């Protein structure tokens, strides 16, 4: 049967697929619109399978809040060209609307959620993939439920956050704290809820760094006492190059190697364990101040106050319960 331009336009409105794809699908389906729609959707699945190993570093981060519920979702794609198209933006918004409406527990639940046209989110993503020939994925999804939720999406649309509070607070405070989360990327709300494995790793690093510094300090002192500049012998490459330049003699080079070897071993065997632990504890506390939301300096305040202190100044009873953050560039 003959496929008319009106038929092609009708299918295009139904699927948002390209004109040629619509014409081919209608021809293959012998004019059956339902079959043609399925053909286009199957094409999307095929394209997605072929491009499964592609990276999706572009896309759109969106948030939605409805009452005491909030969601943050990211629809990812391969290029900024596609992410800037009206169809991509419309699909991302449709997915965000479906997410807040059904409020699924996880990504798989969101994939099964139904969009306004009756198709599932997964089906719509597949169709968009077929249309553009570019991989599309649900890069991130999270939901929060709290008495009040602050939100912020950066102007480039690729970074956003939700912050859950224990009570109703001024909207501008909720937004400001969400901006803090997007900008400073904290690992937890407070030191108390920082993941144990993160704290343990930071402590191990702090202990090793402290030991290395103590050993290096002893080595540098011994080198200086011998009349050798520590900066000239801080690596084997430097020792060789500085010897070639005449900055140190071959004898000094050998003397430096011997000092580094013997003093390092002696100092490492006699380190003060209590001092190491004290210094390491201080470094872990510094990590908490820099990396946990409540302890961080509040970037929007003219005064030097922490986020927790700033919140208390606005509302003494207000407290952050949790937050969700996603960035396409992290």
Protein backbone atom coordinates (compact mmCIF):
# COMPACT_ATOMS: atom_id res chain seq x y z
CA UNK A 1 0.00 0.00 0.00
CA UNK A 2 1.08 3.61 -0.59
CA UNK A 3 2.47 5.48 2.43
CA UNK A 4 1.40 9.12 2.39
CA UNK A 5 3.13 12.13 3.86
CA UNK A 6 0.21 12.47 6.27
CA UNK A 7 0.82 8.90 7.47
CA UNK A 8 4.48 9.65 8.08
CA UNK A 9 3.63 12.83 10.00
CA UNK A 10 1.09 10.97 12.11
CA UNK A 11 3.64 8.33 13.10
CA UNK A 12 6.22 11.02 13.76
CA UNK A 13 3.84 12.71 16.21
CA UNK A 14 3.22 9.36 17.88
CA UNK A 15 6.90 8.43 18.26
CA UNK A 16 9.01 11.58 17.69
CA UNK A 17 11.15 9.45 15.38
CA UNK A 18 12.76 10.88 12.25
CA UNK A 19 10.78 11.19 9.02
CA UNK A 20 12.77 8.50 7.19
CA UNK A 21 12.55 6.12 10.15
CA UNK A 22 8.77 6.62 10.24
CA UNK A 23 8.44 6.01 6.51
CA UNK A 24 10.56 2.84 6.67
CA UNK A 25 8.62 1.55 9.67
CA UNK A 26 5.25 2.17 7.99
CA UNK A 27 6.44 0.51 4.81
CA UNK A 28 7.68 -2.53 6.73
CA UNK A 29 4.43 -2.64 8.73
CA UNK A 30 2.36 -2.28 5.53
CA UNK A 31 0.63 0.79 6.92
CA UNK A 32 -0.23 -0.70 10.33
CA UNK A 33 0.52 2.07 12.83
CA UNK A 34 0.67 -0.20 15.86
CA UNK A 35 3.21 -2.44 14.16
CA UNK A 36 5.15 0.60 12.95
CA UNK A 37 5.41 1.94 16.49
CA UNK A 38 6.73 -1.42 17.67
CA UNK A 39 9.26 -1.48 14.82
CA UNK A 40 10.60 1.91 15.88
CA UNK A 41 10.80 0.84 19.51
CA UNK A 42 12.61 -2.38 18.57
CA UNK A 43 15.07 -0.30 16.60
CA UNK A 44 15.77 1.64 19.77
CA UNK A 45 16.56 -1.58 21.63
CA UNK A 46 18.89 -2.67 18.84
CA UNK A 47 20.74 0.63 18.85
CA UNK A 48 21.01 0.51 22.64
CA UNK A 49 22.50 -2.99 22.49
CA UNK A 50 25.04 -1.94 19.87
CA UNK A 51 26.12 1.10 21.90
CA UNK A 52 26.01 -0.53 25.34
CA UNK A 53 29.72 0.05 25.91
CA UNK A 54 29.58 3.78 25.08
CA UNK A 55 30.08 6.33 27.87
CA UNK A 56 27.24 8.70 28.74
CA UNK A 57 29.00 11.77 30.07
CA UNK A 58 26.35 14.28 29.01
CA UNK A 59 22.70 14.62 29.92
CA UNK A 60 20.34 16.41 32.26
CA UNK A 61 19.88 16.38 36.03
CA UNK A 62 16.38 17.26 37.25
CA UNK A 63 14.61 17.44 40.61
CA UNK A 64 10.95 17.37 41.55
CA UNK A 65 9.35 18.03 44.94
CA UNK A 66 5.76 17.28 45.82
CA UNK A 67 4.76 17.78 49.44
CA UNK A 68 7.15 15.84 51.63
CA UNK A 69 8.54 13.79 48.75
CA UNK A 70 11.39 14.65 46.42
CA UNK A 71 13.30 12.98 43.61
CA UNK A 72 16.50 13.65 41.72
CA UNK A 73 17.08 11.94 38.40
CA UNK A 74 19.61 12.10 35.58
CA UNK A 75 18.95 11.08 32.00
CA UNK A 76 22.33 10.49 30.39
CA UNK A 77 23.44 10.54 26.77
CA UNK A 78 26.70 10.56 24.84
CA UNK A 79 26.98 14.12 23.51
CA UNK A 80 26.07 17.65 24.54
CA UNK A 81 24.50 18.13 21.11
CA UNK A 82 21.81 15.56 21.89
CA UNK A 83 21.36 16.73 25.49
CA UNK A 84 20.57 20.23 24.20
CA UNK A 85 17.76 19.12 21.87
CA UNK A 86 14.12 19.87 22.77
CA UNK A 87 13.18 16.18 22.48
CA UNK A 88 15.85 15.14 24.98
CA UNK A 89 14.86 17.85 27.43
CA UNK A 90 11.21 16.91 27.08
CA UNK A 91 11.96 13.24 27.76
CA UNK A 92 14.06 14.10 30.82
CA UNK A 93 11.20 16.23 32.17
CA UNK A 94 8.70 13.45 31.42
CA UNK A 95 10.84 10.98 33.35
CA UNK A 96 11.15 13.36 36.32
CA UNK A 97 7.38 13.86 36.34
CA UNK A 98 6.81 10.10 36.21
CA UNK A 99 9.28 9.63 39.06
CA UNK A 100 7.60 12.05 41.45
CA UNK A 101 4.17 10.71 40.51
CA UNK A 102 4.99 7.05 41.17
CA UNK A 103 7.82 7.66 43.68
CA UNK A 104 9.59 4.34 43.01
CA UNK A 105 12.16 2.96 45.42
CA UNK A 106 14.96 2.51 42.89
CA UNK A 107 16.05 2.81 39.26
CA UNK A 108 14.39 -0.43 38.25
CA UNK A 109 11.13 0.82 39.68
CA UNK A 110 11.51 4.06 37.74
CA UNK A 111 12.10 2.16 34.50
CA UNK A 112 8.74 0.46 35.02
CA UNK A 113 6.93 3.73 35.84
CA UNK A 114 4.40 4.92 33.29
CA UNK A 115 4.75 8.20 31.38
CA UNK A 116 1.84 10.41 30.37
CA UNK A 117 1.55 8.68 26.98
CA UNK A 118 1.02 5.27 28.57
CA UNK A 119 4.47 3.89 27.81
CA UNK A 120 6.98 3.00 30.48
CA UNK A 121 10.06 5.09 31.15
CA UNK A 122 12.21 2.26 29.83
CA UNK A 123 10.22 2.13 26.60
CA UNK A 124 10.50 5.90 26.13
CA UNK A 125 14.26 5.82 26.65
CA UNK A 126 14.56 3.00 24.15
CA UNK A 127 12.50 4.95 21.62
CA UNK A 128 14.68 8.03 22.09
CA UNK A 129 17.78 5.91 21.61
CA UNK A 130 16.40 4.62 18.33
CA UNK A 131 15.54 8.11 17.21
CA UNK A 132 18.95 9.68 17.85
CA UNK A 133 21.16 6.63 17.31
CA UNK A 134 22.87 7.57 20.59
CA UNK A 135 22.91 5.69 23.88
CA UNK A 136 20.51 6.98 26.56
CA UNK A 137 20.48 5.74 30.15
CA UNK A 138 19.01 6.47 33.54
CA UNK A 139 22.35 7.56 34.98
CA UNK A 140 21.01 8.26 38.48
CA UNK A 141 17.84 8.21 40.54
CA UNK A 142 17.21 8.83 44.23
CA UNK A 143 14.19 9.71 46.35
CA UNK A 144 13.87 11.35 49.75
CA UNK A 145 10.93 11.85 52.09
CA UNK A 146 11.03 14.46 54.86
CA UNK A 147 9.06 17.31 56.47
CA UNK A 148 10.93 19.76 54.21
CA UNK A 149 13.15 19.29 51.17
CA UNK A 150 15.54 21.86 49.73
CA UNK A 151 16.72 21.53 46.15
CA UNK A 152 19.12 23.03 43.66
CA UNK A 153 20.16 22.27 40.07
CA UNK A 154 23.20 24.09 38.71
CA UNK A 155 22.60 26.38 35.74
CA UNK A 156 24.27 23.93 33.33
CA UNK A 157 21.74 21.25 34.25
CA UNK A 158 24.44 18.65 34.93
CA UNK A 159 24.68 18.88 38.71
CA UNK A 160 22.01 18.91 41.37
CA UNK A 161 21.08 18.03 44.94
CA UNK A 162 18.21 17.41 47.34
CA UNK A 163 18.52 18.08 51.07
CA UNK A 164 16.03 16.67 53.59
CA UNK A 165 15.29 18.66 56.77
CA UNK A 166 13.54 17.66 59.96
CA UNK A 167 11.07 20.55 59.80
CA UNK A 168 9.70 23.37 57.65
CA UNK A 169 12.36 26.02 57.05
CA UNK A 170 12.64 29.10 54.80
CA UNK A 171 12.92 28.08 51.15
CA UNK A 172 16.02 30.20 50.65
CA UNK A 173 17.82 28.30 53.42
CA UNK A 174 16.90 24.97 51.86
CA UNK A 175 18.24 26.14 48.51
CA UNK A 176 21.43 27.54 50.06
CA UNK A 177 22.24 24.26 51.80
CA UNK A 178 21.49 22.34 48.59
CA UNK A 179 23.92 24.66 46.79
CA UNK A 180 26.50 23.87 49.46
CA UNK A 181 26.04 20.16 48.75
CA UNK A 182 26.45 20.62 45.01
CA UNK A 183 29.54 22.80 45.38
CA UNK A 184 31.39 21.01 48.20
CA UNK A 185 30.31 17.39 47.65
CA UNK A 186 30.28 16.23 51.29
CA UNK A 187 30.57 12.52 52.07
CA UNK A 188 27.94 12.60 54.83
CA UNK A 189 25.78 14.92 56.91
CA UNK A 190 28.01 14.74 59.99
CA UNK A 191 31.06 12.89 61.34
CA UNK A 192 28.70 10.58 63.23
CA UNK A 193 27.14 9.18 60.06
CA UNK A 194 30.28 9.15 57.93
CA UNK A 195 30.66 5.57 56.58
CA UNK A 196 32.99 3.50 58.77
CA UNK A 197 35.03 2.34 55.79
CA UNK A 198 35.64 5.95 54.73
CA UNK A 199 36.79 6.94 58.22
CA UNK A 200 39.05 3.89 58.47
CA UNK A 201 40.63 4.64 55.10
CA UNK A 202 41.26 8.26 56.07
CA UNK A 203 42.79 7.15 59.36
CA UNK A 204 45.11 4.70 57.58
CA UNK A 205 46.20 7.43 55.18
CA UNK A 206 46.71 9.90 58.05
CA UNK A 207 48.84 7.43 59.99
CA UNK A 208 51.00 6.58 56.98
CA UNK A 209 51.43 10.23 56.04
CA UNK A 210 52.46 11.07 59.61
CA UNK A 211 55.02 8.26 59.70
CA UNK A 212 56.43 9.26 56.31
CA UNK A 213 56.78 12.87 57.41
CA UNK A 214 58.55 11.93 60.66
CA UNK A 215 61.01 9.72 58.80
CA UNK A 216 61.60 12.35 56.12
CA UNK A 217 62.22 15.03 58.73
CA UNK A 218 64.93 12.87 60.34
CA UNK A 219 66.52 12.12 56.95
CA UNK A 220 66.54 15.80 55.94
CA UNK A 221 68.19 16.76 59.23
CA UNK A 222 70.91 14.14 58.72
CA UNK A 223 71.52 15.25 55.12
CA UNK A 224 71.83 18.90 56.13
CA UNK A 225 74.25 17.95 58.90
CA UNK A 226 76.39 16.25 56.25
CA UNK A 227 76.29 19.39 54.10
CA UNK A 228 73.96 17.95 51.47
CA UNK A 229 70.88 19.81 50.19
CA UNK A 230 67.90 17.43 50.72
CA UNK A 231 66.17 18.84 47.60
CA UNK A 232 69.09 17.60 45.47
CA UNK A 233 68.73 13.98 46.60
CA UNK A 234 64.97 13.53 47.16
CA UNK A 235 64.78 10.81 44.50
CA UNK A 236 67.18 8.55 42.63
CA UNK A 237 66.50 10.44 39.40
CA UNK A 238 67.43 13.72 41.10
CA UNK A 239 70.58 12.21 42.55
CA UNK A 240 71.72 11.05 39.11
CA UNK A 241 70.77 14.25 37.27
CA UNK A 242 72.27 16.55 39.92
CA UNK A 243 75.47 14.52 39.94
CA UNK A 244 75.66 14.90 36.15
CA UNK A 245 75.12 18.66 36.52
CA UNK A 246 77.92 18.89 39.08
CA UNK A 247 75.62 20.11 41.85
CA UNK A 248 76.71 17.19 44.02
CA UNK A 249 79.82 15.03 43.75
CA UNK A 250 79.67 11.26 43.18
CA UNK A 251 80.92 10.88 46.77
CA UNK A 252 78.09 13.02 48.10
CA UNK A 253 75.62 11.02 46.04
CA UNK A 254 76.77 7.78 47.65
CA UNK A 255 76.83 9.41 51.08
CA UNK A 256 73.27 10.66 50.56
CA UNK A 257 72.07 7.18 49.55
CA UNK A 258 73.63 5.70 52.68
CA UNK A 259 72.14 8.36 54.94
CA UNK A 260 68.67 7.90 53.40
CA UNK A 261 68.87 4.13 53.81
CA UNK A 262 70.18 3.97 57.37
CA UNK A 263 68.36 6.96 58.90
CA UNK A 264 65.04 5.92 57.34
CA UNK A 265 65.32 2.44 58.85
CA UNK A 266 66.44 3.72 62.26
CA UNK A 267 63.72 6.36 62.50
CA UNK A 268 60.97 4.02 61.31
CA UNK A 269 61.94 1.56 64.07
CA UNK A 270 61.79 4.18 66.81
CA UNK A 271 58.69 6.24 66.01
CA UNK A 272 56.55 7.47 68.90
CA UNK A 273 53.26 5.61 68.41
CA UNK A 274 51.24 7.89 70.68
CA UNK A 275 52.46 10.97 68.82
CA UNK A 276 51.54 9.34 65.52
CA UNK A 277 48.02 8.60 66.75
CA UNK A 278 47.56 12.13 68.06
CA UNK A 279 48.62 13.71 64.78
CA UNK A 280 46.54 11.23 62.77
CA UNK A 281 43.48 12.03 64.92
CA UNK A 282 43.94 15.69 64.13
CA UNK A 283 44.09 14.92 60.43
CA UNK A 284 40.90 12.86 60.61
CA UNK A 285 39.18 15.78 62.34
CA UNK A 286 40.39 18.04 59.54
CA UNK A 287 38.89 15.57 57.05
CA UNK A 288 35.54 15.75 58.88
CA UNK A 289 35.60 19.55 58.77
CA UNK A 290 36.31 19.59 55.05
CA UNK A 291 34.16 16.63 54.00
CA UNK A 292 31.04 16.43 56.17
CA UNK A 293 28.18 18.84 55.48
CA UNK A 294 27.53 20.15 59.00
CA UNK A 295 31.24 20.74 59.68
CA UNK A 296 32.07 22.45 56.39
CA UNK A 297 32.48 26.22 56.26
CA UNK A 298 29.29 27.65 54.83
CA UNK A 299 30.37 29.09 51.48
CA UNK A 300 27.57 31.65 51.24
CA UNK A 301 28.16 33.29 54.60
CA UNK A 302 30.28 36.41 55.03
CA UNK A 303 31.14 35.14 58.50
CA UNK A 304 33.30 32.10 59.13
CA UNK A 305 30.63 29.69 60.33
CA UNK A 306 29.92 26.05 59.68
CA UNK A 307 26.83 24.88 57.85
CA UNK A 308 25.35 23.59 61.12
CA UNK A 309 25.97 26.93 62.83
CA UNK A 310 24.41 28.85 59.96
CA UNK A 311 21.28 26.68 60.00
CA UNK A 312 20.96 27.15 63.78
CA UNK A 313 21.15 30.91 63.36
CA UNK A 314 18.11 30.77 61.07
CA UNK A 315 16.20 28.12 63.03
CA UNK A 316 17.58 26.63 66.24
CA UNK A 317 15.54 23.44 65.82
CA UNK A 318 16.32 22.81 62.15
CA UNK A 319 18.61 19.96 61.16
CA UNK A 320 19.66 18.20 57.97
CA UNK A 321 18.50 14.59 57.90
CA UNK A 322 20.07 13.47 54.62
CA UNK A 323 21.01 14.61 51.15
CA UNK A 324 21.30 13.24 47.62
CA UNK A 325 23.69 14.65 45.03
CA UNK A 326 24.60 13.77 41.48
CA UNK A 327 27.01 15.29 38.98
CA UNK A 328 27.69 14.17 35.42
CA UNK A 329 31.25 15.44 35.73
CA UNK A 330 32.28 13.57 38.92
